[in-house]
C-alpha atoms as a PDB file:
ATOM      1  CA  MET A   1      94.232  35.957 171.942  1.00  0.00           C
ATOM      2  CA  ARG A   2      96.065  34.483 168.979  1.00  0.00           C
ATOM      3  CA  LEU A   3      97.382  36.558 166.078  1.00  0.00           C
ATOM      4  CA  ALA A   4      96.682  35.083 162.634  1.00  0.00           C
ATOM      5  CA  GLN A   5      98.732  35.785 159.509  1.00  0.00           C
ATOM      6  CA  LEU A   6      97.215  36.569 156.111  1.00  0.00           C
ATOM      7  CA  ASN A   7      97.374  33.806 153.489  1.00  0.00           C
ATOM      8  CA  SER A   8      97.503  31.103 156.139  1.00  0.00           C
ATOM      9  CA  ALA A   9      95.170  29.005 158.283  1.00  0.00           C
ATOM     10  CA  ILE A  10      94.305  29.104 161.966  1.00  0.00           C
ATOM     11  CA  ASP A  11      92.509  26.561 164.146  1.00  0.00           C
ATOM     12  CA  VAL A  12      90.258  28.017 166.842  1.00  0.00           C
ATOM     13  CA  LYS A  13      87.360  26.933 169.012  1.00  0.00           C
ATOM     14  CA  VAL A  14      83.843  28.267 168.540  1.00  0.00           C
ATOM     15  CA  GLY A  15      83.661  31.562 170.448  1.00  0.00           C
ATOM     16  CA  GLU A  16      87.452  31.938 170.692  1.00  0.00           C
ATOM     17  CA  ARG A  17      88.749  35.315 169.604  1.00  0.00           C
ATOM     18  CA  PHE A  18      91.647  35.754 167.198  1.00  0.00           C
ATOM     19  CA  SER A  19      93.108  38.822 165.533  1.00  0.00           C
ATOM     20  CA  VAL A  20      94.766  39.969 162.316  1.00  0.00           C
ATOM     21  CA  ALA A  21      97.156  42.935 162.111  1.00  0.00           C
ATOM     22  CA  LEU A  22      96.793  44.873 158.851  1.00  0.00           C
ATOM     23  CA  PRO A  23      99.229  47.592 157.732  1.00  0.00           C
ATOM     24  CA  VAL A  24      97.439  50.872 157.004  1.00  0.00           C
ATOM     25  CA  MET A  25      98.775  52.952 154.142  1.00  0.00           C
ATOM     26  CA  GLY A  26      97.781  56.336 155.578  1.00  0.00           C
ATOM     27  CA  THR A  27      97.354  59.018 152.931  1.00  0.00           C
ATOM     28  CA  THR A  28      97.505  56.752 149.842  1.00  0.00           C
ATOM     29  CA  GLY A  29      93.725  56.383 149.670  1.00  0.00           C
ATOM     30  CA  ALA A  30      94.035  52.607 150.002  1.00  0.00           C
ATOM     31  CA  ASP A  31      91.876  50.931 152.621  1.00  0.00           C
ATOM     32  CA  TRP A  32      91.137  47.385 153.732  1.00  0.00           C
ATOM     33  CA  THR A  33      87.840  45.772 152.775  1.00  0.00           C
ATOM     34  CA  ILE A  34      87.051  42.625 154.739  1.00  0.00           C
ATOM     35  CA  SER A  35      84.576  39.990 153.561  1.00  0.00           C
ATOM     36  CA  SER A  36      83.777  37.360 156.139  1.00  0.00           C
ATOM     37  CA  PRO A  37      81.052  34.720 156.221  1.00  0.00           C
ATOM     38  CA  GLU A  38      78.117  35.221 158.596  1.00  0.00           C
ATOM     39  CA  ASP A  39      79.552  32.525 160.868  1.00  0.00           C
ATOM     40  CA  VAL A  40      82.664  34.619 161.590  1.00  0.00           C
ATOM     41  CA  THR A  41      81.989  37.992 163.179  1.00  0.00           C
ATOM     42  CA  ILE A  42      84.167  41.055 163.549  1.00  0.00           C
ATOM     43  CA  VAL A  43      84.303  41.789 167.273  1.00  0.00           C
ATOM     44  CA  SER A  44      86.357  44.992 167.125  1.00  0.00           C
ATOM     45  CA  LYS A  45      88.742  47.117 165.051  1.00  0.00           C
ATOM     46  CA  GLU A  46      91.483  49.352 166.382  1.00  0.00           C
ATOM     47  CA  THR A  47      94.074  51.453 164.569  1.00  0.00           C
ATOM     48  CA  ALA A  48      97.317  52.291 166.346  1.00  0.00           C
ATOM     49  CA  THR A  49     100.791  53.593 165.620  1.00  0.00           C
ATOM     50  CA  PRO A  50     103.307  51.023 166.866  1.00  0.00           C
ATOM     51  CA  SER A  51     106.025  53.683 167.046  1.00  0.00           C
ATOM     52  CA  ALA A  52     106.138  57.262 168.256  1.00  0.00           C
ATOM     53  CA  ASN A  53     108.244  58.211 165.231  1.00  0.00           C
ATOM     54  CA  PHE A  54     106.744  60.731 162.840  1.00  0.00           C
ATOM     55  CA  GLY A  55     105.505  59.012 159.694  1.00  0.00           C
ATOM     56  CA  ALA A  56     105.441  55.542 161.232  1.00  0.00           C
ATOM     57  CA  GLN A  57     103.089  53.102 159.538  1.00  0.00           C
ATOM     58  CA  LEU A  58      99.747  52.533 161.235  1.00  0.00           C
ATOM     59  CA  VAL A  59      98.450  49.071 162.056  1.00  0.00           C
ATOM     60  CA  GLU A  60      94.769  48.146 162.120  1.00  0.00           C
ATOM     61  CA  THR A  61      94.063  45.199 164.413  1.00  0.00           C
ATOM     62  CA  VAL A  62      90.831  43.366 163.630  1.00  0.00           C
ATOM     63  CA  VAL A  63      89.449  40.900 166.173  1.00  0.00           C
ATOM     64  CA  PHE A  64      87.217  38.054 164.971  1.00  0.00           C
ATOM     65  CA  ALA A  65      85.262  35.213 166.600  1.00  0.00           C
ATOM     66  CA  CYS A  66      83.649  32.094 165.105  1.00  0.00           C
ATOM     67  CA  ARG A  67      79.996  31.555 165.919  1.00  0.00           C
ATOM     68  CA  VAL A  68      79.639  28.175 164.195  1.00  0.00           C
ATOM     69  CA  GLY A  69      82.057  25.294 163.680  1.00  0.00           C
ATOM     70  CA  GLY A  70      83.464  24.481 160.259  1.00  0.00           C
ATOM     71  CA  ARG A  71      85.936  25.788 157.717  1.00  0.00           C
ATOM     72  CA  HIS A  72      85.550  29.473 156.815  1.00  0.00           C
ATOM     73  CA  GLU A  73      87.381  31.823 154.439  1.00  0.00           C
ATOM     74  CA  ILE A  74      87.881  35.505 155.225  1.00  0.00           C
ATOM     75  CA  GLU A  75      88.976  37.775 152.360  1.00  0.00           C
ATOM     76  CA  PHE A  76      91.041  40.930 152.809  1.00  0.00           C
ATOM     77  CA  ARG A  77      91.371  43.408 149.948  1.00  0.00           C
ATOM     78  CA  LEU A  78      93.701  46.388 150.133  1.00  0.00           C
ATOM     79  CA  GLY A  79      92.976  49.005 147.511  1.00  0.00           C
ATOM     80  CA  ARG A  80      91.425  52.257 146.519  1.00  0.00           C
ATOM     81  CA  PRO A  81      87.663  52.265 145.960  1.00  0.00           C
ATOM     82  CA  TRP A  82      88.030  53.193 142.283  1.00  0.00           C
ATOM     83  CA  GLU A  83      90.525  50.401 141.510  1.00  0.00           C
ATOM     84  CA  SER A  84      89.370  46.903 140.610  1.00  0.00           C
ATOM     85  CA  ASP A  85      92.719  45.123 140.420  1.00  0.00           C
ATOM     86  CA  ALA A  86      93.680  44.988 144.091  1.00  0.00           C
ATOM     87  CA  GLU A  87      95.181  41.786 145.443  1.00  0.00           C
ATOM     88  CA  ILE A  88      93.023  39.637 147.686  1.00  0.00           C
ATOM     89  CA  ASP A  89      94.569  37.984 150.728  1.00  0.00           C
ATOM     90  CA  THR A  90      92.752  35.209 152.556  1.00  0.00           C
ATOM     91  CA  LEU A  91      92.660  33.631 155.986  1.00  0.00           C
ATOM     92  CA  THR A  92      91.281  30.144 156.444  1.00  0.00           C
ATOM     93  CA  VAL A  93      89.641  29.668 159.820  1.00  0.00           C
ATOM     94  CA  VAL A  94      88.905  26.160 161.051  1.00  0.00           C
ATOM     95  CA  CYS A  95      86.486  26.352 163.984  1.00  0.00           C
ATOM     96  CA  GLY A  96      86.131  23.312 166.164  1.00  0.00           C
ATOM     97  CA  PRO A  97      84.177  22.479 169.304  1.00  0.00           C
END
């Protein structure tokens, strides 16, 4: 499975899985909101600590798959629910046959 980077593009085949690793801010109240088109589905989400050190940052790995060919934009917003000025990161997914 290929790992995609935010604010970039990835080429995949229809049905091929790809993932995005998102840093989780723990106790700050900030959380990721993901908006993806119907043609790109979230297959799974998993949060893990990459280090056994106390206070290490968590990483949420989100796995996606394209159901239909074409160019799709996924939006990732990290923020607190009561804030409206959070930055939006994108991932362009180009799904081919």
